């Protein structure tokens, strides 16, 4: 009886290669579960980035504009009703998203919200209905943005409800949270190098860059779709209190001077519905104003690198 030793050796080498790759992946996963650097180094970075960010905002007068300038108003009630049109919103009906849901329901939209806690979100929807908002339809679907698989399940759930999406508002997010590695192996603020405020600020840069690159690609395909990134203002939502420290302090003492949740919702709805912005796709808005962004955000090469890496991260679902 003949034995194919070459074939056997080949299979053994292939198996060893797979085991080696699996072990490397496991070691990498274990490594990124822990925040890099010492506790002291991370705290020093945190304080530095907070100080540096506040200094830059102050020198550019943005901090004073946020606090002392009058918030430009936009009244969505002047918009016609939109029965049958669909808006998908990530994040549950709390803070700005609570006002978004209420205003879109008043305009008779079909509202689909991706939420972490369906029961708690339903309680807030009931509060909106108790305020006399009986128009529109709302669907609450579970969504865990820390899981790519769960995000795909949410998308599949949306398709079971409707075959159209007129507006997509990516509102969900976290701010200044402790280091956390998602089940897919990524830092929760979408950054591999950890320093909590820096991760948050860099994630905002990524949003602006991704928005511009998505607009570019949509227009190359002659799609009648536009994208916008929006800073609704320094809105003292629950995220500020949950962040603690400086943000909790600012929330307590400056809250009367800052725009409220309704103002923030109006800024987002303006970007979604205003006919004035139809030829301004890819733009960045601060409150209701078109605003220039940094050269880094406008760098097309940076945008394409971000797009490429985003595709790589999501390739398991594509």
C-alpha atoms as a PDB file:
ATOM      1  CA  UNK A   1       0.000   0.000   0.000  1.00  0.00           C
ATOM      2  CA  UNK A   2       1.571   3.268  -1.121  1.00  0.00           C
ATOM      3  CA  UNK A   3       1.606   6.392   1.059  1.00  0.00           C
ATOM      4  CA  UNK A   4       1.743   9.909  -0.371  1.00  0.00           C
ATOM      5  CA  UNK A   5       4.165  11.487   2.077  1.00  0.00           C
ATOM      6  CA  UNK A   6       4.514  14.655  -0.001  1.00  0.00           C
ATOM      7  CA  UNK A   7       0.765  15.250   0.099  1.00  0.00           C
ATOM      8  CA  UNK A   8       0.713  14.547   3.822  1.00  0.00           C
ATOM      9  CA  UNK A   9       3.576  16.958   4.449  1.00  0.00           C
ATOM     10  CA  UNK A  10       1.853  19.631   2.377  1.00  0.00           C
ATOM     11  CA  UNK A  11      -1.345  19.307   4.400  1.00  0.00           C
ATOM     12  CA  UNK A  12       0.619  19.447   7.648  1.00  0.00           C
ATOM     13  CA  UNK A  13       2.396  22.644   6.574  1.00  0.00           C
ATOM     14  CA  UNK A  14      -0.919  24.209   5.536  1.00  0.00           C
ATOM     15  CA  UNK A  15      -2.426  23.286   8.914  1.00  0.00           C
ATOM     16  CA  UNK A  16       0.599  24.697  10.761  1.00  0.00           C
ATOM     17  CA  UNK A  17       0.291  27.920   8.761  1.00  0.00           C
ATOM     18  CA  UNK A  18      -3.395  28.244   9.693  1.00  0.00           C
ATOM     19  CA  UNK A  19      -2.634  27.588  13.360  1.00  0.00           C
ATOM     20  CA  UNK A  20       0.185  30.165  13.283  1.00  0.00           C
ATOM     21  CA  UNK A  21      -2.089  32.774  11.683  1.00  0.00           C
ATOM     22  CA  UNK A  22      -4.817  32.024  14.217  1.00  0.00           C
ATOM     23  CA  UNK A  23      -2.376  32.364  17.116  1.00  0.00           C
ATOM     24  CA  UNK A  24      -1.058  35.673  15.733  1.00  0.00           C
ATOM     25  CA  UNK A  25      -4.577  37.002  15.421  1.00  0.00           C
ATOM     26  CA  UNK A  26      -5.356  35.895  18.968  1.00  0.00           C
ATOM     27  CA  UNK A  27      -2.212  37.597  20.324  1.00  0.00           C
ATOM     28  CA  UNK A  28      -3.104  40.805  18.466  1.00  0.00           C
ATOM     29  CA  UNK A  29      -6.653  40.678  19.811  1.00  0.00           C
ATOM     30  CA  UNK A  30      -5.365  40.182  23.368  1.00  0.00           C
ATOM     31  CA  UNK A  31      -2.940  43.079  22.917  1.00  0.00           C
ATOM     32  CA  UNK A  32      -5.546  45.595  21.776  1.00  0.00           C
ATOM     33  CA  UNK A  33      -7.891  44.580  24.567  1.00  0.00           C
ATOM     34  CA  UNK A  34      -5.560  46.562  26.834  1.00  0.00           C
ATOM     35  CA  UNK A  35      -5.009  50.305  26.394  1.00  0.00           C
ATOM     36  CA  UNK A  36      -1.447  50.935  25.186  1.00  0.00           C
ATOM     37  CA  UNK A  37       0.992  52.680  27.486  1.00  0.00           C
ATOM     38  CA  UNK A  38       1.012  53.115  31.244  1.00  0.00           C
ATOM     39  CA  UNK A  39      -1.857  54.597  33.257  1.00  0.00           C
ATOM     40  CA  UNK A  40       0.181  57.745  33.931  1.00  0.00           C
ATOM     41  CA  UNK A  41       1.088  58.194  30.251  1.00  0.00           C
ATOM     42  CA  UNK A  42      -2.569  57.919  29.240  1.00  0.00           C
ATOM     43  CA  UNK A  43      -3.635  60.480  31.861  1.00  0.00           C
ATOM     44  CA  UNK A  44      -0.923  62.921  30.750  1.00  0.00           C
ATOM     45  CA  UNK A  45      -2.095  62.548  27.139  1.00  0.00           C
ATOM     46  CA  UNK A  46      -5.694  63.079  28.178  1.00  0.00           C
ATOM     47  CA  UNK A  47      -4.906  66.320  30.030  1.00  0.00           C
ATOM     48  CA  UNK A  48      -2.671  67.550  27.199  1.00  0.00           C
ATOM     49  CA  UNK A  49      -5.213  66.974  24.440  1.00  0.00           C
ATOM     50  CA  UNK A  50      -7.987  68.592  26.470  1.00  0.00           C
ATOM     51  CA  UNK A  51      -5.795  71.637  27.171  1.00  0.00           C
ATOM     52  CA  UNK A  52      -4.555  71.824  23.578  1.00  0.00           C
ATOM     53  CA  UNK A  53      -8.065  71.479  22.144  1.00  0.00           C
ATOM     54  CA  UNK A  54      -9.446  74.203  24.416  1.00  0.00           C
ATOM     55  CA  UNK A  55      -6.494  76.480  23.584  1.00  0.00           C
ATOM     56  CA  UNK A  56      -7.030  76.066  19.830  1.00  0.00           C
ATOM     57  CA  UNK A  57     -10.769  76.698  20.155  1.00  0.00           C
ATOM     58  CA  UNK A  58     -10.118  79.805  22.249  1.00  0.00           C
ATOM     59  CA  UNK A  59      -7.496  81.243  19.880  1.00  0.00           C
ATOM     60  CA  UNK A  60      -9.815  80.705  16.940  1.00  0.00           C
ATOM     61  CA  UNK A  61     -12.657  82.291  18.963  1.00  0.00           C
ATOM     62  CA  UNK A  62     -14.813  79.217  18.404  1.00  0.00           C
ATOM     63  CA  UNK A  63     -15.286  78.682  22.123  1.00  0.00           C
ATOM     64  CA  UNK A  64     -16.665  82.206  22.560  1.00  0.00           C
ATOM     65  CA  UNK A  65     -18.893  81.841  19.507  1.00  0.00           C
ATOM     66  CA  UNK A  66     -20.319  78.629  20.923  1.00  0.00           C
ATOM     67  CA  UNK A  67     -21.098  80.247  24.266  1.00  0.00           C
ATOM     68  CA  UNK A  68     -22.023  83.824  23.477  1.00  0.00           C
ATOM     69  CA  UNK A  69     -23.242  83.965  19.878  1.00  0.00           C
ATOM     70  CA  UNK A  70     -26.938  83.777  19.185  1.00  0.00           C
ATOM     71  CA  UNK A  71     -27.999  80.427  17.797  1.00  0.00           C
ATOM     72  CA  UNK A  72     -29.388  80.787  14.290  1.00  0.00           C
ATOM     73  CA  UNK A  73     -32.918  79.400  14.165  1.00  0.00           C
ATOM     74  CA  UNK A  74     -34.519  77.104  11.643  1.00  0.00           C
ATOM     75  CA  UNK A  75     -38.148  76.086  11.946  1.00  0.00           C
ATOM     76  CA  UNK A  76     -38.844  72.652  10.394  1.00  0.00           C
ATOM     77  CA  UNK A  77     -42.582  73.218  10.861  1.00  0.00           C
ATOM     78  CA  UNK A  78     -42.418  75.458   7.792  1.00  0.00           C
ATOM     79  CA  UNK A  79     -41.511  72.386   5.724  1.00  0.00           C
ATOM     80  CA  UNK A  80     -44.348  70.509   3.971  1.00  0.00           C
ATOM     81  CA  UNK A  81     -45.462  67.181   5.391  1.00  0.00           C
ATOM     82  CA  UNK A  82     -43.705  64.107   4.024  1.00  0.00           C
ATOM     83  CA  UNK A  83     -46.115  61.155   4.318  1.00  0.00           C
ATOM     84  CA  UNK A  84     -44.516  57.962   3.018  1.00  0.00           C
ATOM     85  CA  UNK A  85     -40.952  59.307   3.156  1.00  0.00           C
ATOM     86  CA  UNK A  86     -38.515  57.389   5.336  1.00  0.00           C
ATOM     87  CA  UNK A  87     -35.805  58.692   7.659  1.00  0.00           C
ATOM     88  CA  UNK A  88     -33.397  56.289   9.353  1.00  0.00           C
ATOM     89  CA  UNK A  89     -31.703  57.564  12.518  1.00  0.00           C
ATOM     90  CA  UNK A  90     -28.966  55.804  14.465  1.00  0.00           C
ATOM     91  CA  UNK A  91     -29.214  56.274  18.199  1.00  0.00           C
ATOM     92  CA  UNK A  92     -32.196  56.101  20.529  1.00  0.00           C
ATOM     93  CA  UNK A  93     -34.693  58.897  21.235  1.00  0.00           C
ATOM     94  CA  UNK A  94     -32.698  60.745  23.883  1.00  0.00           C
ATOM     95  CA  UNK A  95     -30.980  64.110  23.755  1.00  0.00           C
ATOM     96  CA  UNK A  96     -30.844  65.514  20.232  1.00  0.00           C
ATOM     97  CA  UNK A  97     -32.316  62.318  18.755  1.00  0.00           C
ATOM     98  CA  UNK A  98     -35.425  62.751  20.937  1.00  0.00           C
ATOM     99  CA  UNK A  99     -36.080  66.115  19.317  1.00  0.00           C
ATOM    100  CA  UNK A 100     -35.244  64.700  15.887  1.00  0.00           C
ATOM    101  CA  UNK A 101     -37.802  61.921  16.293  1.00  0.00           C
ATOM    102  CA  UNK A 102     -40.469  64.330  17.487  1.00  0.00           C
ATOM    103  CA  UNK A 103     -39.940  66.805  14.656  1.00  0.00           C
ATOM    104  CA  UNK A 104     -39.838  64.143  11.924  1.00  0.00           C
ATOM    105  CA  UNK A 105     -43.018  62.558  13.297  1.00  0.00           C
ATOM    106  CA  UNK A 106     -44.712  65.980  13.204  1.00  0.00           C
ATOM    107  CA  UNK A 107     -43.848  66.099   9.484  1.00  0.00           C
ATOM    108  CA  UNK A 108     -45.513  62.693   9.040  1.00  0.00           C
ATOM    109  CA  UNK A 109     -42.317  60.772   8.244  1.00  0.00           C
ATOM    110  CA  UNK A 110     -41.835  57.055   8.689  1.00  0.00           C
ATOM    111  CA  UNK A 111     -39.058  57.086  11.307  1.00  0.00           C
ATOM    112  CA  UNK A 112     -36.792  54.073  11.826  1.00  0.00           C
ATOM    113  CA  UNK A 113     -34.424  54.325  14.786  1.00  0.00           C
ATOM    114  CA  UNK A 114     -31.534  52.017  15.620  1.00  0.00           C
ATOM    115  CA  UNK A 115     -31.395  51.851  19.421  1.00  0.00           C
ATOM    116  CA  UNK A 116     -29.437  50.055  22.127  1.00  0.00           C
ATOM    117  CA  UNK A 117     -32.419  49.554  24.455  1.00  0.00           C
ATOM    118  CA  UNK A 118     -35.772  49.061  22.726  1.00  0.00           C
ATOM    119  CA  UNK A 119     -37.800  49.114  25.971  1.00  0.00           C
ATOM    120  CA  UNK A 120     -36.316  52.385  27.244  1.00  0.00           C
ATOM    121  CA  UNK A 121     -36.644  53.923  23.778  1.00  0.00           C
ATOM    122  CA  UNK A 122     -40.306  52.940  23.561  1.00  0.00           C
ATOM    123  CA  UNK A 123     -40.913  54.755  26.850  1.00  0.00           C
ATOM    124  CA  UNK A 124     -39.520  57.950  25.321  1.00  0.00           C
ATOM    125  CA  UNK A 125     -41.597  57.485  22.169  1.00  0.00           C
ATOM    126  CA  UNK A 126     -44.676  57.180  24.407  1.00  0.00           C
ATOM    127  CA  UNK A 127     -43.701  60.518  25.964  1.00  0.00           C
ATOM    128  CA  UNK A 128     -43.653  62.100  22.494  1.00  0.00           C
ATOM    129  CA  UNK A 129     -47.110  60.716  21.770  1.00  0.00           C
ATOM    130  CA  UNK A 130     -48.365  62.012  25.133  1.00  0.00           C
ATOM    131  CA  UNK A 131     -47.293  65.496  24.026  1.00  0.00           C
ATOM    132  CA  UNK A 132     -49.885  65.338  21.259  1.00  0.00           C
ATOM    133  CA  UNK A 133     -47.721  64.182  18.351  1.00  0.00           C
ATOM    134  CA  UNK A 134     -49.930  61.596  16.664  1.00  0.00           C
ATOM    135  CA  UNK A 135     -48.701  61.866  13.076  1.00  0.00           C
ATOM    136  CA  UNK A 136     -46.009  59.756  11.499  1.00  0.00           C
ATOM    137  CA  UNK A 137     -44.926  56.199  12.215  1.00  0.00           C
ATOM    138  CA  UNK A 138     -41.925  55.062  14.224  1.00  0.00           C
ATOM    139  CA  UNK A 139     -40.099  51.733  14.311  1.00  0.00           C
ATOM    140  CA  UNK A 140     -37.473  50.876  16.926  1.00  0.00           C
ATOM    141  CA  UNK A 141     -34.875  48.304  15.938  1.00  0.00           C
ATOM    142  CA  UNK A 142     -31.989  47.029  18.077  1.00  0.00           C
ATOM    143  CA  UNK A 143     -28.602  48.340  16.979  1.00  0.00           C
ATOM    144  CA  UNK A 144     -25.180  47.752  18.503  1.00  0.00           C
ATOM    145  CA  UNK A 145     -22.684  49.857  16.575  1.00  0.00           C
ATOM    146  CA  UNK A 146     -19.808  48.138  18.349  1.00  0.00           C
ATOM    147  CA  UNK A 147     -20.539  45.025  16.295  1.00  0.00           C
ATOM    148  CA  UNK A 148     -20.346  44.906  12.494  1.00  0.00           C
ATOM    149  CA  UNK A 149     -22.568  41.800  12.492  1.00  0.00           C
ATOM    150  CA  UNK A 150     -25.210  43.580  14.596  1.00  0.00           C
ATOM    151  CA  UNK A 151     -25.024  46.595  12.285  1.00  0.00           C
ATOM    152  CA  UNK A 152     -25.735  44.340   9.308  1.00  0.00           C
ATOM    153  CA  UNK A 153     -28.675  42.799  11.183  1.00  0.00           C
ATOM    154  CA  UNK A 154     -30.057  46.295  11.705  1.00  0.00           C
ATOM    155  CA  UNK A 155     -29.707  47.067   7.985  1.00  0.00           C
ATOM    156  CA  UNK A 156     -31.509  43.822   7.154  1.00  0.00           C
ATOM    157  CA  UNK A 157     -34.252  44.815   9.580  1.00  0.00           C
ATOM    158  CA  UNK A 158     -34.689  48.180   7.840  1.00  0.00           C
ATOM    159  CA  UNK A 159     -35.091  46.403   4.492  1.00  0.00           C
ATOM    160  CA  UNK A 160     -37.875  44.280   5.966  1.00  0.00           C
ATOM    161  CA  UNK A 161     -39.780  47.469   6.792  1.00  0.00           C
ATOM    162  CA  UNK A 162     -39.176  49.499   3.654  1.00  0.00           C
ATOM    163  CA  UNK A 163     -37.519  49.401   0.246  1.00  0.00           C
ATOM    164  CA  UNK A 164     -36.613  53.096   0.336  1.00  0.00           C
ATOM    165  CA  UNK A 165     -34.562  55.446   2.504  1.00  0.00           C
ATOM    166  CA  UNK A 166     -34.999  59.155   1.862  1.00  0.00           C
ATOM    167  CA  UNK A 167     -32.742  60.386   4.660  1.00  0.00           C
ATOM    168  CA  UNK A 168     -30.064  58.665   6.737  1.00  0.00           C
ATOM    169  CA  UNK A 169     -28.922  60.482   9.876  1.00  0.00           C
ATOM    170  CA  UNK A 170     -25.919  58.937  11.601  1.00  0.00           C
ATOM    171  CA  UNK A 171     -26.460  60.500  15.000  1.00  0.00           C
ATOM    172  CA  UNK A 172     -25.293  57.784  17.412  1.00  0.00           C
ATOM    173  CA  UNK A 173     -21.906  58.128  19.034  1.00  0.00           C
ATOM    174  CA  UNK A 174     -19.841  58.125  22.205  1.00  0.00           C
ATOM    175  CA  UNK A 175     -17.677  60.828  23.752  1.00  0.00           C
ATOM    176  CA  UNK A 176     -14.583  60.586  25.946  1.00  0.00           C
ATOM    177  CA  UNK A 177     -15.368  57.017  26.970  1.00  0.00           C
ATOM    178  CA  UNK A 178     -12.824  54.729  28.675  1.00  0.00           C
ATOM    179  CA  UNK A 179     -10.752  52.514  26.411  1.00  0.00           C
ATOM    180  CA  UNK A 180     -12.807  49.674  25.004  1.00  0.00           C
ATOM    181  CA  UNK A 181     -12.127  47.114  22.301  1.00  0.00           C
ATOM    182  CA  UNK A 182     -15.144  46.006  20.273  1.00  0.00           C
ATOM    183  CA  UNK A 183     -15.908  42.371  19.502  1.00  0.00           C
ATOM    184  CA  UNK A 184     -14.477  42.950  16.005  1.00  0.00           C
ATOM    185  CA  UNK A 185     -11.139  44.007  17.495  1.00  0.00           C
ATOM    186  CA  UNK A 186     -11.323  47.797  16.999  1.00  0.00           C
ATOM    187  CA  UNK A 187     -11.006  50.605  19.513  1.00  0.00           C
ATOM    188  CA  UNK A 188     -14.505  51.895  20.212  1.00  0.00           C
ATOM    189  CA  UNK A 189     -13.693  55.405  18.967  1.00  0.00           C
ATOM    190  CA  UNK A 190     -12.421  53.859  15.708  1.00  0.00           C
ATOM    191  CA  UNK A 191      -8.772  54.470  16.467  1.00  0.00           C
ATOM    192  CA  UNK A 192      -5.911  52.077  17.167  1.00  0.00           C
ATOM    193  CA  UNK A 193      -3.728  54.542  19.094  1.00  0.00           C
ATOM    194  CA  UNK A 194      -5.484  55.424  22.307  1.00  0.00           C
ATOM    195  CA  UNK A 195      -5.779  58.763  24.022  1.00  0.00           C
ATOM    196  CA  UNK A 196      -9.395  59.321  24.862  1.00  0.00           C
ATOM    197  CA  UNK A 197      -9.972  62.952  23.766  1.00  0.00           C
ATOM    198  CA  UNK A 198      -7.665  62.500  20.761  1.00  0.00           C
ATOM    199  CA  UNK A 199      -9.620  59.433  19.668  1.00  0.00           C
ATOM    200  CA  UNK A 200     -12.853  61.401  19.882  1.00  0.00           C
ATOM    201  CA  UNK A 201     -11.491  64.384  17.958  1.00  0.00           C
ATOM    202  CA  UNK A 202      -9.911  62.150  15.323  1.00  0.00           C
ATOM    203  CA  UNK A 203     -13.201  60.285  14.907  1.00  0.00           C
ATOM    204  CA  UNK A 204     -14.836  63.624  14.065  1.00  0.00           C
ATOM    205  CA  UNK A 205     -12.127  64.312  11.502  1.00  0.00           C
ATOM    206  CA  UNK A 206     -12.840  60.893   9.999  1.00  0.00           C
ATOM    207  CA  UNK A 207     -16.535  61.781   9.708  1.00  0.00           C
ATOM    208  CA  UNK A 208     -15.753  64.936   7.707  1.00  0.00           C
ATOM    209  CA  UNK A 209     -13.258  63.145   5.460  1.00  0.00           C
ATOM    210  CA  UNK A 210     -15.556  60.168   4.870  1.00  0.00           C
ATOM    211  CA  UNK A 211     -18.481  62.483   4.068  1.00  0.00           C
ATOM    212  CA  UNK A 212     -16.467  64.318   1.415  1.00  0.00           C
ATOM    213  CA  UNK A 213     -15.184  61.115  -0.170  1.00  0.00           C
ATOM    214  CA  UNK A 214     -18.669  59.544  -0.202  1.00  0.00           C
ATOM    215  CA  UNK A 215     -20.080  62.648  -1.900  1.00  0.00           C
ATOM    216  CA  UNK A 216     -17.302  62.482  -4.512  1.00  0.00           C
ATOM    217  CA  UNK A 217     -18.014  58.833  -5.295  1.00  0.00           C
ATOM    218  CA  UNK A 218     -21.781  59.341  -5.428  1.00  0.00           C
ATOM    219  CA  UNK A 219     -21.427  62.182  -7.918  1.00  0.00           C
ATOM    220  CA  UNK A 220     -19.049  60.127 -10.072  1.00  0.00           C
ATOM    221  CA  UNK A 221     -21.855  57.569 -10.297  1.00  0.00           C
ATOM    222  CA  UNK A 222     -24.370  60.342 -11.160  1.00  0.00           C
ATOM    223  CA  UNK A 223     -26.420  59.444  -8.062  1.00  0.00           C
ATOM    224  CA  UNK A 224     -29.022  61.954  -6.904  1.00  0.00           C
ATOM    225  CA  UNK A 225     -27.784  61.686  -3.317  1.00  0.00           C
ATOM    226  CA  UNK A 226     -25.850  64.201  -1.224  1.00  0.00           C
ATOM    227  CA  UNK A 227     -23.934  63.910   2.035  1.00  0.00           C
ATOM    228  CA  UNK A 228     -23.244  66.447   4.764  1.00  0.00           C
ATOM    229  CA  UNK A 229     -21.384  66.486   8.070  1.00  0.00           C
ATOM    230  CA  UNK A 230     -22.934  68.640  10.768  1.00  0.00           C
ATOM    231  CA  UNK A 231     -21.704  70.140  14.021  1.00  0.00           C
ATOM    232  CA  UNK A 232     -25.030  71.086  15.656  1.00  0.00           C
ATOM    233  CA  UNK A 233     -23.327  73.210  18.297  1.00  0.00           C
ATOM    234  CA  UNK A 234     -21.950  72.524  21.755  1.00  0.00           C
ATOM    235  CA  UNK A 235     -25.120  70.871  23.000  1.00  0.00           C
ATOM    236  CA  UNK A 236     -24.939  69.823  26.692  1.00  0.00           C
ATOM    237  CA  UNK A 237     -26.550  66.410  26.287  1.00  0.00           C
ATOM    238  CA  UNK A 238     -26.228  63.424  28.642  1.00  0.00           C
ATOM    239  CA  UNK A 239     -22.958  62.573  26.874  1.00  0.00           C
ATOM    240  CA  UNK A 240     -21.327  65.538  28.606  1.00  0.00           C
ATOM    241  CA  UNK A 241     -22.375  64.361  32.057  1.00  0.00           C
ATOM    242  CA  UNK A 242     -21.336  60.797  31.270  1.00  0.00           C
ATOM    243  CA  UNK A 243     -17.912  62.008  30.110  1.00  0.00           C
ATOM    244  CA  UNK A 244     -17.328  63.521  33.550  1.00  0.00           C
ATOM    245  CA  UNK A 245     -14.508  65.883  34.502  1.00  0.00           C
ATOM    246  CA  UNK A 246     -14.241  69.083  32.485  1.00  0.00           C
ATOM    247  CA  UNK A 247     -17.266  68.324  30.320  1.00  0.00           C
ATOM    248  CA  UNK A 248     -19.490  67.736  33.339  1.00  0.00           C
ATOM    249  CA  UNK A 249     -18.299  71.058  34.783  1.00  0.00           C
ATOM    250  CA  UNK A 250     -19.012  72.914  31.546  1.00  0.00           C
ATOM    251  CA  UNK A 251     -22.420  71.253  31.268  1.00  0.00           C
ATOM    252  CA  UNK A 252     -23.440  72.471  34.726  1.00  0.00           C
ATOM    253  CA  UNK A 253     -22.227  76.064  34.530  1.00  0.00           C
ATOM    254  CA  UNK A 254     -22.577  76.965  30.851  1.00  0.00           C
ATOM    255  CA  UNK A 255     -25.756  75.080  30.014  1.00  0.00           C
ATOM    256  CA  UNK A 256     -27.966  78.225  30.212  1.00  0.00           C
ATOM    257  CA  UNK A 257     -25.725  79.915  27.614  1.00  0.00           C
ATOM    258  CA  UNK A 258     -25.402  77.021  25.172  1.00  0.00           C
ATOM    259  CA  UNK A 259     -27.898  75.953  22.497  1.00  0.00           C
ATOM    260  CA  UNK A 260     -30.341  73.285  23.633  1.00  0.00           C
ATOM    261  CA  UNK A 261     -31.329  69.906  22.199  1.00  0.00           C
ATOM    262  CA  UNK A 262     -34.039  71.403  19.990  1.00  0.00           C
ATOM    263  CA  UNK A 263     -31.504  73.808  18.467  1.00  0.00           C
ATOM    264  CA  UNK A 264     -29.212  70.863  17.740  1.00  0.00           C
ATOM    265  CA  UNK A 265     -32.014  68.913  16.083  1.00  0.00           C
ATOM    266  CA  UNK A 266     -32.957  71.912  13.934  1.00  0.00           C
ATOM    267  CA  UNK A 267     -29.355  72.168  12.648  1.00  0.00           C
ATOM    268  CA  UNK A 268     -29.413  68.517  11.569  1.00  0.00           C
ATOM    269  CA  UNK A 269     -32.853  68.765   9.963  1.00  0.00           C
ATOM    270  CA  UNK A 270     -31.731  71.888   8.099  1.00  0.00           C
ATOM    271  CA  UNK A 271     -28.882  69.896   6.520  1.00  0.00           C
ATOM    272  CA  UNK A 272     -31.326  67.151   5.569  1.00  0.00           C
ATOM    273  CA  UNK A 273     -34.207  69.208   4.182  1.00  0.00           C
ATOM    274  CA  UNK A 274     -33.024  72.664   3.125  1.00  0.00           C
ATOM    275  CA  UNK A 275     -33.151  73.223  -0.631  1.00  0.00           C
ATOM    276  CA  UNK A 276     -30.368  75.794  -0.190  1.00  0.00           C
ATOM    277  CA  UNK A 277     -27.855  72.989   0.290  1.00  0.00           C
ATOM    278  CA  UNK A 278     -28.765  70.794  -2.690  1.00  0.00           C
ATOM    279  CA  UNK A 279     -25.746  72.002  -4.674  1.00  0.00           C
ATOM    280  CA  UNK A 280     -23.443  71.956  -1.630  1.00  0.00           C
ATOM    281  CA  UNK A 281     -23.004  68.209  -1.165  1.00  0.00           C
ATOM    282  CA  UNK A 282     -20.012  67.113   0.903  1.00  0.00           C
ATOM    283  CA  UNK A 283     -20.109  70.339   2.920  1.00  0.00           C
ATOM    284  CA  UNK A 284     -19.442  70.753   6.618  1.00  0.00           C
ATOM    285  CA  UNK A 285     -21.914  72.816   8.635  1.00  0.00           C
ATOM    286  CA  UNK A 286     -21.443  74.365  12.057  1.00  0.00           C
ATOM    287  CA  UNK A 287     -24.921  74.912  13.376  1.00  0.00           C
ATOM    288  CA  UNK A 288     -26.656  76.239  10.255  1.00  0.00           C
ATOM    289  CA  UNK A 289     -23.613  77.789   8.566  1.00  0.00           C
ATOM    290  CA  UNK A 290     -21.419  76.364   5.822  1.00  0.00           C
ATOM    291  CA  UNK A 291     -17.904  76.294   7.261  1.00  0.00           C
ATOM    292  CA  UNK A 292     -14.458  75.657   5.816  1.00  0.00           C
ATOM    293  CA  UNK A 293     -12.538  72.668   7.126  1.00  0.00           C
ATOM    294  CA  UNK A 294      -8.830  72.042   7.637  1.00  0.00           C
ATOM    295  CA  UNK A 295      -6.445  71.178   4.803  1.00  0.00           C
ATOM    296  CA  UNK A 296      -6.064  67.733   6.377  1.00  0.00           C
ATOM    297  CA  UNK A 297      -9.788  67.073   6.040  1.00  0.00           C
ATOM    298  CA  UNK A 298      -9.767  68.353   2.447  1.00  0.00           C
ATOM    299  CA  UNK A 299      -6.790  66.193   1.454  1.00  0.00           C
ATOM    300  CA  UNK A 300      -8.142  63.762  -1.148  1.00  0.00           C
ATOM    301  CA  UNK A 301      -5.360  61.243  -0.520  1.00  0.00           C
ATOM    302  CA  UNK A 302      -6.257  61.122   3.196  1.00  0.00           C
ATOM    303  CA  UNK A 303      -9.911  60.658   2.293  1.00  0.00           C
ATOM    304  CA  UNK A 304      -9.115  57.764  -0.046  1.00  0.00           C
ATOM    305  CA  UNK A 305      -6.887  56.077   2.546  1.00  0.00           C
ATOM    306  CA  UNK A 306      -9.687  56.336   5.111  1.00  0.00           C
ATOM    307  CA  UNK A 307     -12.168  54.937   2.595  1.00  0.00           C
ATOM    308  CA  UNK A 308      -9.860  52.046   1.765  1.00  0.00           C
ATOM    309  CA  UNK A 309      -9.313  51.171   5.411  1.00  0.00           C
ATOM    310  CA  UNK A 310     -13.024  51.412   6.131  1.00  0.00           C
ATOM    311  CA  UNK A 311     -13.681  48.935   3.333  1.00  0.00           C
ATOM    312  CA  UNK A 312     -11.035  46.634   4.794  1.00  0.00           C
ATOM    313  CA  UNK A 313     -12.621  46.773   8.253  1.00  0.00           C
ATOM    314  CA  UNK A 314     -16.034  45.942   6.820  1.00  0.00           C
ATOM    315  CA  UNK A 315     -14.923  43.399   4.215  1.00  0.00           C
ATOM    316  CA  UNK A 316     -16.417  40.500   6.151  1.00  0.00           C
ATOM    317  CA  UNK A 317     -19.861  41.971   5.535  1.00  0.00           C
ATOM    318  CA  UNK A 318     -19.449  43.122   1.930  1.00  0.00           C
END
